[in-house]
PDB file of N, CA and C in Angstrom:
ATOM      1  N   MET A   1    -130.957 134.119  26.698  1.00  0.00           N
ATOM      2  CA  MET A   1    -130.077 134.758  27.650  1.00  0.00           C
ATOM      3  C   MET A   1    -130.838 135.569  28.702  1.00  0.00           C
ATOM      4  N   ALA A   2    -132.053 136.002  28.365  1.00  0.00           N
ATOM      5  CA  ALA A   2    -132.817 136.803  29.321  1.00  0.00           C
ATOM      6  C   ALA A   2    -133.141 136.014  30.580  1.00  0.00           C
ATOM      7  N   ASP A   3    -133.308 134.679  30.445  1.00  0.00           N
ATOM      8  CA  ASP A   3    -133.620 133.854  31.602  1.00  0.00           C
ATOM      9  C   ASP A   3    -132.499 133.858  32.635  1.00  0.00           C
ATOM     10  N   GLN A   4    -131.279 134.034  32.194  1.00  0.00           N
ATOM     11  CA  GLN A   4    -130.150 134.052  33.122  1.00  0.00           C
ATOM     12  C   GLN A   4    -130.216 135.260  34.048  1.00  0.00           C
ATOM     13  N   GLN A   5    -130.909 136.306  33.636  1.00  0.00           N
ATOM     14  CA  GLN A   5    -131.000 137.513  34.445  1.00  0.00           C
ATOM     15  C   GLN A   5    -132.259 137.547  35.306  1.00  0.00           C
ATOM     16  N   ARG A   6    -133.204 136.690  35.031  1.00  0.00           N
ATOM     17  CA  ARG A   6    -134.467 136.677  35.777  1.00  0.00           C
ATOM     18  C   ARG A   6    -134.261 136.010  37.134  1.00  0.00           C
ATOM     19  N   ASP A   7    -134.788 136.636  38.174  1.00  0.00           N
ATOM     20  CA  ASP A   7    -134.732 136.063  39.522  1.00  0.00           C
ATOM     21  C   ASP A   7    -136.034 135.316  39.764  1.00  0.00           C
ATOM     22  N   TYR A   8    -136.022 134.015  39.563  1.00  0.00           N
ATOM     23  CA  TYR A   8    -137.231 133.209  39.693  1.00  0.00           C
ATOM     24  C   TYR A   8    -137.729 133.131  41.134  1.00  0.00           C
ATOM     25  N   THR A   9    -136.924 133.455  42.083  1.00  0.00           N
ATOM     26  CA  THR A   9    -137.341 133.407  43.486  1.00  0.00           C
ATOM     27  C   THR A   9    -138.253 134.559  43.870  1.00  0.00           C
ATOM     28  N   THR A  10    -138.368 135.557  43.009  1.00  0.00           N
ATOM     29  CA  THR A  10    -139.200 136.718  43.337  1.00  0.00           C
ATOM     30  C   THR A  10    -140.528 136.739  42.581  1.00  0.00           C
ATOM     31  N   ILE A  11    -140.826 135.680  41.823  1.00  0.00           N
ATOM     32  CA  ILE A  11    -142.092 135.625  41.098  1.00  0.00           C
ATOM     33  C   ILE A  11    -143.224 135.509  42.116  1.00  0.00           C
ATOM     34  N   PRO A  12    -144.194 136.416  42.064  1.00  0.00           N
ATOM     35  CA  PRO A  12    -145.278 136.366  43.054  1.00  0.00           C
ATOM     36  C   PRO A  12    -146.285 135.262  42.737  1.00  0.00           C
ATOM     37  N   THR A  13    -147.022 134.851  43.759  1.00  0.00           N
ATOM     38  CA  THR A  13    -148.128 133.935  43.537  1.00  0.00           C
ATOM     39  C   THR A  13    -149.319 134.744  43.022  1.00  0.00           C
ATOM     40  N   PRO A  14    -150.268 134.093  42.350  1.00  0.00           N
ATOM     41  CA  PRO A  14    -151.443 134.828  41.869  1.00  0.00           C
ATOM     42  C   PRO A  14    -152.198 135.456  43.043  1.00  0.00           C
ATOM     43  N   PRO A  15    -152.860 136.582  42.798  1.00  0.00           N
ATOM     44  CA  PRO A  15    -153.564 137.243  43.898  1.00  0.00           C
ATOM     45  C   PRO A  15    -154.746 136.439  44.441  1.00  0.00           C
ATOM     46  N   ALA A  16    -155.395 135.648  43.594  1.00  0.00           N
ATOM     47  CA  ALA A  16    -156.574 134.895  44.039  1.00  0.00           C
ATOM     48  C   ALA A  16    -156.664 133.590  43.260  1.00  0.00           C
ATOM     49  N   CYS A  17    -157.364 132.634  43.852  1.00  0.00           N
ATOM     50  CA  CYS A  17    -157.567 131.351  43.182  1.00  0.00           C
ATOM     51  C   CYS A  17    -158.771 130.647  43.789  1.00  0.00           C
ATOM     52  N   TYR A  18    -159.154 129.581  43.127  1.00  0.00           N
ATOM     53  CA  TYR A  18    -160.079 128.634  43.739  1.00  0.00           C
ATOM     54  C   TYR A  18    -159.400 127.277  43.642  1.00  0.00           C
ATOM     55  N   ALA A  19    -159.582 126.465  44.657  1.00  0.00           N
ATOM     56  CA  ALA A  19    -159.004 125.130  44.669  1.00  0.00           C
ATOM     57  C   ALA A  19    -160.096 124.132  45.017  1.00  0.00           C
ATOM     58  N   ASP A  20    -160.220 123.141  44.182  1.00  0.00           N
ATOM     59  CA  ASP A  20    -161.131 122.041  44.448  1.00  0.00           C
ATOM     60  C   ASP A  20    -160.242 120.898  44.920  1.00  0.00           C
ATOM     61  N   PHE A  21    -160.438 120.457  46.167  1.00  0.00           N
ATOM     62  CA  PHE A  21    -159.553 119.425  46.681  1.00  0.00           C
ATOM     63  C   PHE A  21    -160.326 118.294  47.349  1.00  0.00           C
ATOM     64  N   CYS A  22    -159.731 117.124  47.248  1.00  0.00           N
ATOM     65  CA  CYS A  22    -160.280 115.921  47.861  1.00  0.00           C
ATOM     66  C   CYS A  22    -159.175 115.317  48.708  1.00  0.00           C
ATOM     67  N   LEU A  23    -159.338 115.404  49.999  1.00  0.00           N
ATOM     68  CA  LEU A  23    -158.347 114.937  50.950  1.00  0.00           C
ATOM     69  C   LEU A  23    -158.730 113.521  51.395  1.00  0.00           C
ATOM     70  N   VAL A  24    -157.789 112.597  51.325  1.00  0.00           N
ATOM     71  CA  VAL A  24    -158.065 111.202  51.655  1.00  0.00           C
ATOM     72  C   VAL A  24    -157.120 110.740  52.762  1.00  0.00           C
ATOM     73  N   PRO A  25    -157.668 110.465  53.955  1.00  0.00           N
ATOM     74  CA  PRO A  25    -156.831 109.928  55.027  1.00  0.00           C
ATOM     75  C   PRO A  25    -156.512 108.458  54.764  1.00  0.00           C
ATOM     76  N   VAL A  26    -155.286 108.074  54.995  1.00  0.00           N
ATOM     77  CA  VAL A  26    -154.853 106.696  54.799  1.00  0.00           C
ATOM     78  C   VAL A  26    -154.324 106.180  56.135  1.00  0.00           C
ATOM     79  N   GLY A  27    -154.650 104.938  56.432  1.00  0.00           N
ATOM     80  CA  GLY A  27    -154.139 104.351  57.668  1.00  0.00           C
ATOM     81  C   GLY A  27    -155.063 104.531  58.847  1.00  0.00           C
ATOM     82  N   THR A  28    -156.366 104.635  58.575  1.00  0.00           N
ATOM     83  CA  THR A  28    -157.341 104.741  59.659  1.00  0.00           C
ATOM     84  C   THR A  28    -158.052 103.402  59.814  1.00  0.00           C
ATOM     85  N   ALA A  29    -158.742 103.231  60.915  1.00  0.00           N
ATOM     86  CA  ALA A  29    -159.430 101.972  61.197  1.00  0.00           C
ATOM     87  C   ALA A  29    -160.767 101.849  60.465  1.00  0.00           C
ATOM     88  N   SER A  30    -161.232 102.941  59.842  1.00  0.00           N
ATOM     89  CA  SER A  30    -162.554 102.948  59.230  1.00  0.00           C
ATOM     90  C   SER A  30    -162.471 103.319  57.753  1.00  0.00           C
ATOM     91  N   VAL A  31    -163.391 102.762  56.964  1.00  0.00           N
ATOM     92  CA  VAL A  31    -163.466 103.173  55.558  1.00  0.00           C
ATOM     93  C   VAL A  31    -164.203 104.499  55.406  1.00  0.00           C
ATOM     94  N   SER A  32    -164.963 104.893  56.421  1.00  0.00           N
ATOM     95  CA  SER A  32    -165.663 106.172  56.399  1.00  0.00           C
ATOM     96  C   SER A  32    -164.677 107.308  56.666  1.00  0.00           C
ATOM     97  N   VAL A  33    -164.873 108.421  55.969  1.00  0.00           N
ATOM     98  CA  VAL A  33    -164.028 109.595  56.194  1.00  0.00           C
ATOM     99  C   VAL A  33    -164.848 110.780  56.710  1.00  0.00           C
ATOM    100  N   ALA A  34    -166.085 110.532  57.110  1.00  0.00           N
ATOM    101  CA  ALA A  34    -166.981 111.616  57.524  1.00  0.00           C
ATOM    102  C   ALA A  34    -166.417 112.423  58.699  1.00  0.00           C
ATOM    103  N   LYS A  35    -165.827 111.758  59.681  1.00  0.00           N
ATOM    104  CA  LYS A  35    -165.277 112.480  60.840  1.00  0.00           C
ATOM    105  C   LYS A  35    -164.118 113.381  60.428  1.00  0.00           C
ATOM    106  N   GLU A  36    -163.258 112.879  59.562  1.00  0.00           N
ATOM    107  CA  GLU A  36    -162.133 113.686  59.094  1.00  0.00           C
ATOM    108  C   GLU A  36    -162.614 114.866  58.247  1.00  0.00           C
ATOM    109  N   VAL A  37    -163.607 114.611  57.399  1.00  0.00           N
ATOM    110  CA  VAL A  37    -164.173 115.686  56.574  1.00  0.00           C
ATOM    111  C   VAL A  37    -164.780 116.766  57.466  1.00  0.00           C
ATOM    112  N   ALA A  38    -165.456 116.365  58.516  1.00  0.00           N
ATOM    113  CA  ALA A  38    -166.049 117.339  59.449  1.00  0.00           C
ATOM    114  C   ALA A  38    -164.959 118.197  60.090  1.00  0.00           C
ATOM    115  N   GLU A  39    -163.845 117.591  60.448  1.00  0.00           N
ATOM    116  CA  GLU A  39    -162.738 118.363  61.032  1.00  0.00           C
ATOM    117  C   GLU A  39    -162.170 119.363  60.029  1.00  0.00           C
ATOM    118  N   VAL A  40    -162.044 118.921  58.783  1.00  0.00           N
ATOM    119  CA  VAL A  40    -161.558 119.821  57.734  1.00  0.00           C
ATOM    120  C   VAL A  40    -162.515 120.992  57.552  1.00  0.00           C
ATOM    121  N   GLN A  41    -163.814 120.741  57.597  1.00  0.00           N
ATOM    122  CA  GLN A  41    -164.798 121.811  57.448  1.00  0.00           C
ATOM    123  C   GLN A  41    -164.677 122.831  58.584  1.00  0.00           C
ATOM    124  N   LYS A  42    -164.345 122.368  59.787  1.00  0.00           N
ATOM    125  CA  LYS A  42    -164.136 123.286  60.919  1.00  0.00           C
ATOM    126  C   LYS A  42    -162.928 124.186  60.668  1.00  0.00           C
ATOM    127  N   VAL A  43    -161.864 123.610  60.110  1.00  0.00           N
ATOM    128  CA  VAL A  43    -160.673 124.399  59.769  1.00  0.00           C
ATOM    129  C   VAL A  43    -161.027 125.447  58.725  1.00  0.00           C
ATOM    130  N   LEU A  44    -161.771 125.039  57.702  1.00  0.00           N
ATOM    131  CA  LEU A  44    -162.171 125.976  56.651  1.00  0.00           C
ATOM    132  C   LEU A  44    -163.046 127.097  57.209  1.00  0.00           C
ATOM    133  N   ALA A  45    -163.978 126.757  58.086  1.00  0.00           N
ATOM    134  CA  ALA A  45    -164.857 127.775  58.685  1.00  0.00           C
ATOM    135  C   ALA A  45    -164.035 128.787  59.476  1.00  0.00           C
ATOM    136  N   ALA A  46    -163.036 128.313  60.191  1.00  0.00           N
ATOM    137  CA  ALA A  46    -162.199 129.211  60.991  1.00  0.00           C
ATOM    138  C   ALA A  46    -161.311 130.100  60.128  1.00  0.00           C
ATOM    139  N   SER A  47    -161.069 129.691  58.879  1.00  0.00           N
ATOM    140  CA  SER A  47    -160.169 130.453  58.000  1.00  0.00           C
ATOM    141  C   SER A  47    -160.775 131.764  57.516  1.00  0.00           C
ATOM    142  N   GLY A  48    -162.106 131.825  57.480  1.00  0.00           N
ATOM    143  CA  GLY A  48    -162.764 133.011  56.938  1.00  0.00           C
ATOM    144  C   GLY A  48    -162.866 133.007  55.422  1.00  0.00           C
ATOM    145  N   LEU A  49    -162.324 131.989  54.773  1.00  0.00           N
ATOM    146  CA  LEU A  49    -162.402 131.900  53.321  1.00  0.00           C
ATOM    147  C   LEU A  49    -163.754 131.335  52.903  1.00  0.00           C
ATOM    148  N   LYS A  50    -164.158 131.620  51.678  1.00  0.00           N
ATOM    149  CA  LYS A  50    -165.396 131.062  51.135  1.00  0.00           C
ATOM    150  C   LYS A  50    -165.107 129.631  50.690  1.00  0.00           C
ATOM    151  N   TYR A  51    -165.978 128.709  51.072  1.00  0.00           N
ATOM    152  CA  TYR A  51    -165.777 127.316  50.706  1.00  0.00           C
ATOM    153  C   TYR A  51    -167.119 126.634  50.525  1.00  0.00           C
ATOM    154  N   THR A  52    -167.113 125.563  49.736  1.00  0.00           N
ATOM    155  CA  THR A  52    -168.316 124.792  49.473  1.00  0.00           C
ATOM    156  C   THR A  52    -167.974 123.314  49.548  1.00  0.00           C
ATOM    157  N   LEU A  53    -168.622 122.600  50.441  1.00  0.00           N
ATOM    158  CA  LEU A  53    -168.474 121.157  50.536  1.00  0.00           C
ATOM    159  C   LEU A  53    -169.349 120.514  49.471  1.00  0.00           C
ATOM    160  N   HIS A  54    -168.829 119.517  48.772  1.00  0.00           N
ATOM    161  CA  HIS A  54    -169.647 118.734  47.848  1.00  0.00           C
ATOM    162  C   HIS A  54    -169.339 117.260  48.069  1.00  0.00           C
ATOM    163  N   SER A  55    -169.997 116.397  47.356  1.00  0.00           N
ATOM    164  CA  SER A  55    -169.924 114.968  47.654  1.00  0.00           C
ATOM    165  C   SER A  55    -168.544 114.351  47.431  1.00  0.00           C
ATOM    166  N   ALA A  56    -167.708 114.985  46.646  1.00  0.00           N
ATOM    167  CA  ALA A  56    -166.395 114.404  46.353  1.00  0.00           C
ATOM    168  C   ALA A  56    -165.245 115.321  46.738  1.00  0.00           C
ATOM    169  N   GLY A  57    -165.495 116.271  47.631  1.00  0.00           N
ATOM    170  CA  GLY A  57    -164.433 117.169  48.055  1.00  0.00           C
ATOM    171  C   GLY A  57    -164.975 118.512  48.484  1.00  0.00           C
ATOM    172  N   THR A  58    -164.114 119.510  48.404  1.00  0.00           N
ATOM    173  CA  THR A  58    -164.457 120.865  48.826  1.00  0.00           C
ATOM    174  C   THR A  58    -163.806 121.853  47.869  1.00  0.00           C
ATOM    175  N   THR A  59    -164.511 122.932  47.569  1.00  0.00           N
ATOM    176  CA  THR A  59    -163.939 124.042  46.815  1.00  0.00           C
ATOM    177  C   THR A  59    -163.726 125.195  47.780  1.00  0.00           C
ATOM    178  N   VAL A  60    -162.535 125.750  47.773  1.00  0.00           N
ATOM    179  CA  VAL A  60    -162.212 126.890  48.634  1.00  0.00           C
ATOM    180  C   VAL A  60    -161.670 128.005  47.749  1.00  0.00           C
ATOM    181  N   GLU A  61    -162.059 129.251  48.074  1.00  0.00           N
ATOM    182  CA  GLU A  61    -161.694 130.409  47.254  1.00  0.00           C
ATOM    183  C   GLU A  61    -161.046 131.477  48.107  1.00  0.00           C
ATOM    184  N   GLY A  62    -160.113 132.213  47.520  1.00  0.00           N
ATOM    185  CA  GLY A  62    -159.508 133.332  48.223  1.00  0.00           C
ATOM    186  C   GLY A  62    -158.113 133.625  47.718  1.00  0.00           C
ATOM    187  N   PRO A  63    -157.353 134.416  48.478  1.00  0.00           N
ATOM    188  CA  PRO A  63    -155.971 134.692  48.105  1.00  0.00           C
ATOM    189  C   PRO A  63    -155.153 133.391  48.050  1.00  0.00           C
ATOM    190  N   TRP A  64    -154.317 133.266  47.043  1.00  0.00           N
ATOM    191  CA  TRP A  64    -153.552 132.045  46.810  1.00  0.00           C
ATOM    192  C   TRP A  64    -152.878 131.534  48.086  1.00  0.00           C
ATOM    193  N   ASP A  65    -152.124 132.392  48.737  1.00  0.00           N
ATOM    194  CA  ASP A  65    -151.358 131.950  49.906  1.00  0.00           C
ATOM    195  C   ASP A  65    -152.262 131.463  51.030  1.00  0.00           C
ATOM    196  N   GLN A  66    -153.407 132.097  51.199  1.00  0.00           N
ATOM    197  CA  GLN A  66    -154.340 131.665  52.241  1.00  0.00           C
ATOM    198  C   GLN A  66    -155.010 130.340  51.885  1.00  0.00           C
ATOM    199  N   VAL A  67    -155.354 130.169  50.614  1.00  0.00           N
ATOM    200  CA  VAL A  67    -155.969 128.912  50.175  1.00  0.00           C
ATOM    201  C   VAL A  67    -154.994 127.755  50.380  1.00  0.00           C
ATOM    202  N   MET A  68    -153.746 127.939  49.968  1.00  0.00           N
ATOM    203  CA  MET A  68    -152.761 126.876  50.127  1.00  0.00           C
ATOM    204  C   MET A  68    -152.484 126.598  51.610  1.00  0.00           C
ATOM    205  N   LYS A  69    -152.482 127.648  52.412  1.00  0.00           N
ATOM    206  CA  LYS A  69    -152.256 127.474  53.853  1.00  0.00           C
ATOM    207  C   LYS A  69    -153.374 126.638  54.476  1.00  0.00           C
ATOM    208  N   VAL A  70    -154.631 126.943  54.150  1.00  0.00           N
ATOM    209  CA  VAL A  70    -155.736 126.224  54.778  1.00  0.00           C
ATOM    210  C   VAL A  70    -155.772 124.761  54.320  1.00  0.00           C
ATOM    211  N   ILE A  71    -155.350 124.478  53.104  1.00  0.00           N
ATOM    212  CA  ILE A  71    -155.274 123.082  52.668  1.00  0.00           C
ATOM    213  C   ILE A  71    -154.176 122.359  53.456  1.00  0.00           C
ATOM    214  N   GLY A  72    -153.085 123.031  53.707  1.00  0.00           N
ATOM    215  CA  GLY A  72    -152.035 122.458  54.561  1.00  0.00           C
ATOM    216  C   GLY A  72    -152.534 122.227  55.977  1.00  0.00           C
ATOM    217  N   GLN A  73    -153.312 123.187  56.496  1.00  0.00           N
ATOM    218  CA  GLN A  73    -153.894 123.019  57.829  1.00  0.00           C
ATOM    219  C   GLN A  73    -154.875 121.849  57.849  1.00  0.00           C
ATOM    220  N   ALA A  74    -155.584 121.635  56.749  1.00  0.00           N
ATOM    221  CA  ALA A  74    -156.492 120.495  56.658  1.00  0.00           C
ATOM    222  C   ALA A  74    -155.708 119.187  56.777  1.00  0.00           C
ATOM    223  N   HIS A  75    -154.562 119.128  56.131  1.00  0.00           N
ATOM    224  CA  HIS A  75    -153.703 117.952  56.280  1.00  0.00           C
ATOM    225  C   HIS A  75    -153.326 117.758  57.748  1.00  0.00           C
ATOM    226  N   SER A  76    -152.902 118.829  58.373  1.00  0.00           N
ATOM    227  CA  SER A  76    -152.457 118.730  59.775  1.00  0.00           C
ATOM    228  C   SER A  76    -153.568 118.251  60.695  1.00  0.00           C
ATOM    229  N   ILE A  77    -154.781 118.777  60.524  1.00  0.00           N
ATOM    230  CA  ILE A  77    -155.882 118.370  61.416  1.00  0.00           C
ATOM    231  C   ILE A  77    -156.229 116.902  61.203  1.00  0.00           C
ATOM    232  N   VAL A  78    -156.154 116.428  59.959  1.00  0.00           N
ATOM    233  CA  VAL A  78    -156.451 115.022  59.704  1.00  0.00           C
ATOM    234  C   VAL A  78    -155.352 114.125  60.291  1.00  0.00           C
ATOM    235  N   HIS A  79    -154.109 114.553  60.226  1.00  0.00           N
ATOM    236  CA  HIS A  79    -153.047 113.804  60.908  1.00  0.00           C
ATOM    237  C   HIS A  79    -153.319 113.750  62.412  1.00  0.00           C
ATOM    238  N   GLN A  80    -153.817 114.853  62.966  1.00  0.00           N
ATOM    239  CA  GLN A  80    -154.114 114.894  64.402  1.00  0.00           C
ATOM    240  C   GLN A  80    -155.247 113.943  64.788  1.00  0.00           C
ATOM    241  N   THR A  81    -156.088 113.567  63.827  1.00  0.00           N
ATOM    242  CA  THR A  81    -157.165 112.613  64.128  1.00  0.00           C
ATOM    243  C   THR A  81    -156.646 111.175  64.140  1.00  0.00           C
ATOM    244  N   GLY A  82    -155.386 110.988  63.757  1.00  0.00           N
ATOM    245  CA  GLY A  82    -154.790 109.659  63.784  1.00  0.00           C
ATOM    246  C   GLY A  82    -154.416 109.095  62.439  1.00  0.00           C
ATOM    247  N   ALA A  83    -154.730 109.796  61.364  1.00  0.00           N
ATOM    248  CA  ALA A  83    -154.354 109.302  60.034  1.00  0.00           C
ATOM    249  C   ALA A  83    -152.841 109.393  59.884  1.00  0.00           C
ATOM    250  N   VAL A  84    -152.247 108.295  59.526  1.00  0.00           N
ATOM    251  CA  VAL A  84    -150.795 108.236  59.376  1.00  0.00           C
ATOM    252  C   VAL A  84    -150.352 108.937  58.091  1.00  0.00           C
ATOM    253  N   ARG A  85    -151.214 108.878  57.106  1.00  0.00           N
ATOM    254  CA  ARG A  85    -150.887 109.441  55.796  1.00  0.00           C
ATOM    255  C   ARG A  85    -152.109 110.167  55.250  1.00  0.00           C
ATOM    256  N   VAL A  86    -151.875 111.241  54.518  1.00  0.00           N
ATOM    257  CA  VAL A  86    -152.958 111.995  53.885  1.00  0.00           C
ATOM    258  C   VAL A  86    -152.561 112.263  52.439  1.00  0.00           C
ATOM    259  N   GLN A  87    -153.443 111.906  51.531  1.00  0.00           N
ATOM    260  CA  GLN A  87    -153.246 112.174  50.108  1.00  0.00           C
ATOM    261  C   GLN A  87    -154.320 113.158  49.661  1.00  0.00           C
ATOM    262  N   THR A  88    -153.930 114.160  48.902  1.00  0.00           N
ATOM    263  CA  THR A  88    -154.891 115.122  48.389  1.00  0.00           C
ATOM    264  C   THR A  88    -154.759 115.264  46.882  1.00  0.00           C
ATOM    265  N   SER A  89    -155.897 115.167  46.210  1.00  0.00           N
ATOM    266  CA  SER A  89    -155.979 115.512  44.795  1.00  0.00           C
ATOM    267  C   SER A  89    -156.547 116.920  44.737  1.00  0.00           C
ATOM    268  N   MET A  90    -155.978 117.747  43.860  1.00  0.00           N
ATOM    269  CA  MET A  90    -156.388 119.140  43.859  1.00  0.00           C
ATOM    270  C   MET A  90    -156.341 119.697  42.441  1.00  0.00           C
ATOM    271  N   ARG A  91    -157.353 120.505  42.131  1.00  0.00           N
ATOM    272  CA  ARG A  91    -157.365 121.299  40.901  1.00  0.00           C
ATOM    273  C   ARG A  91    -157.431 122.748  41.335  1.00  0.00           C
ATOM    274  N   VAL A  92    -156.558 123.570  40.792  1.00  0.00           N
ATOM    275  CA  VAL A  92    -156.502 124.981  41.171  1.00  0.00           C
ATOM    276  C   VAL A  92    -156.670 125.827  39.926  1.00  0.00           C
ATOM    277  N   GLY A  93    -157.505 126.850  40.039  1.00  0.00           N
ATOM    278  CA  GLY A  93    -157.713 127.750  38.915  1.00  0.00           C
ATOM    279  C   GLY A  93    -157.445 129.195  39.301  1.00  0.00           C
ATOM    280  N   THR A  94    -156.933 129.936  38.335  1.00  0.00           N
ATOM    281  CA  THR A  94    -156.716 131.377  38.509  1.00  0.00           C
ATOM    282  C   THR A  94    -157.156 132.077  37.230  1.00  0.00           C
ATOM    283  N   ARG A  95    -157.492 133.351  37.368  1.00  0.00           N
ATOM    284  CA  ARG A  95    -157.853 134.185  36.210  1.00  0.00           C
ATOM    285  C   ARG A  95    -157.167 135.528  36.356  1.00  0.00           C
ATOM    286  N   THR A  96    -156.850 136.125  35.229  1.00  0.00           N
ATOM    287  CA  THR A  96    -156.291 137.473  35.254  1.00  0.00           C
ATOM    288  C   THR A  96    -157.220 138.484  34.602  1.00  0.00           C
ATOM    289  N   ASP A  97    -158.236 137.997  33.858  1.00  0.00           N
ATOM    290  CA  ASP A  97    -159.098 138.915  33.116  1.00  0.00           C
ATOM    291  C   ASP A  97    -160.257 139.454  33.944  1.00  0.00           C
ATOM    292  N   LYS A  98    -160.694 138.696  34.959  1.00  0.00           N
ATOM    293  CA  LYS A  98    -161.800 139.173  35.795  1.00  0.00           C
ATOM    294  C   LYS A  98    -161.869 138.342  37.065  1.00  0.00           C
ATOM    295  N   LYS A  99    -162.607 138.857  38.024  1.00  0.00           N
ATOM    296  CA  LYS A  99    -162.876 138.096  39.235  1.00  0.00           C
ATOM    297  C   LYS A  99    -164.140 137.282  39.009  1.00  0.00           C
ATOM    298  N   GLN A 100    -164.123 136.019  39.438  1.00  0.00           N
ATOM    299  CA  GLN A 100    -165.277 135.158  39.264  1.00  0.00           C
ATOM    300  C   GLN A 100    -165.270 134.112  40.375  1.00  0.00           C
ATOM    301  N   THR A 101    -166.357 134.047  41.119  1.00  0.00           N
ATOM    302  CA  THR A 101    -166.463 133.061  42.186  1.00  0.00           C
ATOM    303  C   THR A 101    -166.878 131.708  41.625  1.00  0.00           C
ATOM    304  N   ALA A 102    -166.686 130.670  42.396  1.00  0.00           N
ATOM    305  CA  ALA A 102    -167.129 129.338  41.992  1.00  0.00           C
ATOM    306  C   ALA A 102    -168.640 129.335  41.779  1.00  0.00           C
ATOM    307  N   GLU A 103    -169.345 130.040  42.634  1.00  0.00           N
ATOM    308  CA  GLU A 103    -170.802 130.131  42.510  1.00  0.00           C
ATOM    309  C   GLU A 103    -171.198 130.779  41.186  1.00  0.00           C
ATOM    310  N   GLU A 104    -170.481 131.825  40.797  1.00  0.00           N
ATOM    311  CA  GLU A 104    -170.764 132.497  39.524  1.00  0.00           C
ATOM    312  C   GLU A 104    -170.476 131.581  38.332  1.00  0.00           C
ATOM    313  N   LYS A 105    -169.439 130.763  38.450  1.00  0.00           N
ATOM    314  CA  LYS A 105    -169.118 129.823  37.374  1.00  0.00           C
ATOM    315  C   LYS A 105    -170.259 128.829  37.181  1.00  0.00           C
ATOM    316  N   VAL A 106    -170.793 128.305  38.265  1.00  0.00           N
ATOM    317  CA  VAL A 106    -171.899 127.346  38.191  1.00  0.00           C
ATOM    318  C   VAL A 106    -173.144 128.031  37.636  1.00  0.00           C
ATOM    319  N   LYS A 107    -173.424 129.241  38.110  1.00  0.00           N
ATOM    320  CA  LYS A 107    -174.608 129.971  37.651  1.00  0.00           C
ATOM    321  C   LYS A 107    -174.532 130.237  36.152  1.00  0.00           C
ATOM    322  N   ARG A 108    -173.364 130.541  35.643  1.00  0.00           N
ATOM    323  CA  ARG A 108    -173.192 130.801  34.206  1.00  0.00           C
ATOM    324  C   ARG A 108    -173.631 129.587  33.387  1.00  0.00           C
ATOM    325  N   VAL A 109    -173.227 128.392  33.805  1.00  0.00           N
ATOM    326  CA  VAL A 109    -173.615 127.167  33.098  1.00  0.00           C
ATOM    327  C   VAL A 109    -175.109 126.911  33.250  1.00  0.00           C
ATOM    328  N   GLN A 110    -175.625 127.113  34.461  1.00  0.00           N
ATOM    329  CA  GLN A 110    -177.060 126.912  34.679  1.00  0.00           C
ATOM    330  C   GLN A 110    -177.886 127.862  33.815  1.00  0.00           C
ATOM    331  N   ASP A 111    -177.447 129.100  33.676  1.00  0.00           N
ATOM    332  CA  ASP A 111    -178.148 130.065  32.821  1.00  0.00           C
ATOM    333  C   ASP A 111    -178.144 129.617  31.363  1.00  0.00           C
ATOM    334  N   LEU A 112    -177.010 129.091  30.891  1.00  0.00           N
ATOM    335  CA  LEU A 112    -176.945 128.595  29.517  1.00  0.00           C
ATOM    336  C   LEU A 112    -177.874 127.410  29.316  1.00  0.00           C
ATOM    337  N   LEU A 113    -177.913 126.533  30.304  1.00  0.00           N
ATOM    338  CA  LEU A 113    -178.830 125.393  30.220  1.00  0.00           C
ATOM    339  C   LEU A 113    -180.286 125.829  30.191  1.00  0.00           C
ATOM    340  N   ALA A 114    -180.617 126.788  31.041  1.00  0.00           N
ATOM    341  CA  ALA A 114    -181.992 127.288  31.098  1.00  0.00           C
ATOM    342  C   ALA A 114    -182.386 127.948  29.782  1.00  0.00           C
ATOM    343  N   SER A 115    -181.461 128.695  29.171  1.00  0.00           N
ATOM    344  CA  SER A 115    -181.792 129.380  27.906  1.00  0.00           C
ATOM    345  C   SER A 115    -181.891 128.397  26.754  1.00  0.00           C
ATOM    346  N   SER A 116    -181.236 127.268  26.845  1.00  0.00           N
ATOM    347  CA  SER A 116    -181.322 126.287  25.752  1.00  0.00           C
ATOM    348  C   SER A 116    -182.627 125.506  25.790  1.00  0.00           C
ATOM    349  N   LEU A 117    -183.362 125.614  26.889  1.00  0.00           N
ATOM    350  CA  LEU A 117    -184.649 124.948  27.003  1.00  0.00           C
ATOM    351  C   LEU A 117    -185.767 125.764  26.361  1.00  0.00           C
ATOM    352  N   ASP A 118    -185.480 127.014  26.071  1.00  0.00           N
ATOM    353  CA  ASP A 118    -186.503 127.897  25.478  1.00  0.00           C
ATOM    354  C   ASP A 118    -186.750 127.588  24.023  1.00  0.00           C
TER     355      ASP A 118
END
């Protein structure tokens, strides 16, 4: 019965997140996506958010609403390049126990690997 009294429209989004996303333009004349990826990187740079390009996508970090907004803007810029359709695969992570950057997550694993070599 408690659910009947809860206003689900007022649930806030998490304060911060990281999103690893792979945006795929569909309906272009080329199998290469380098030009579209470059445009997305320009959008990310203009956002002021921390981001890392990797071979299969991009990781972007920051406040939830800003991260989701910039991914939406990435879709829009790719549509502006002529892609009729854009598909994105995305993994999003949040934490409540501590703040941790994507870089810190990678370093933690690298440190464990280095210590196991001793």
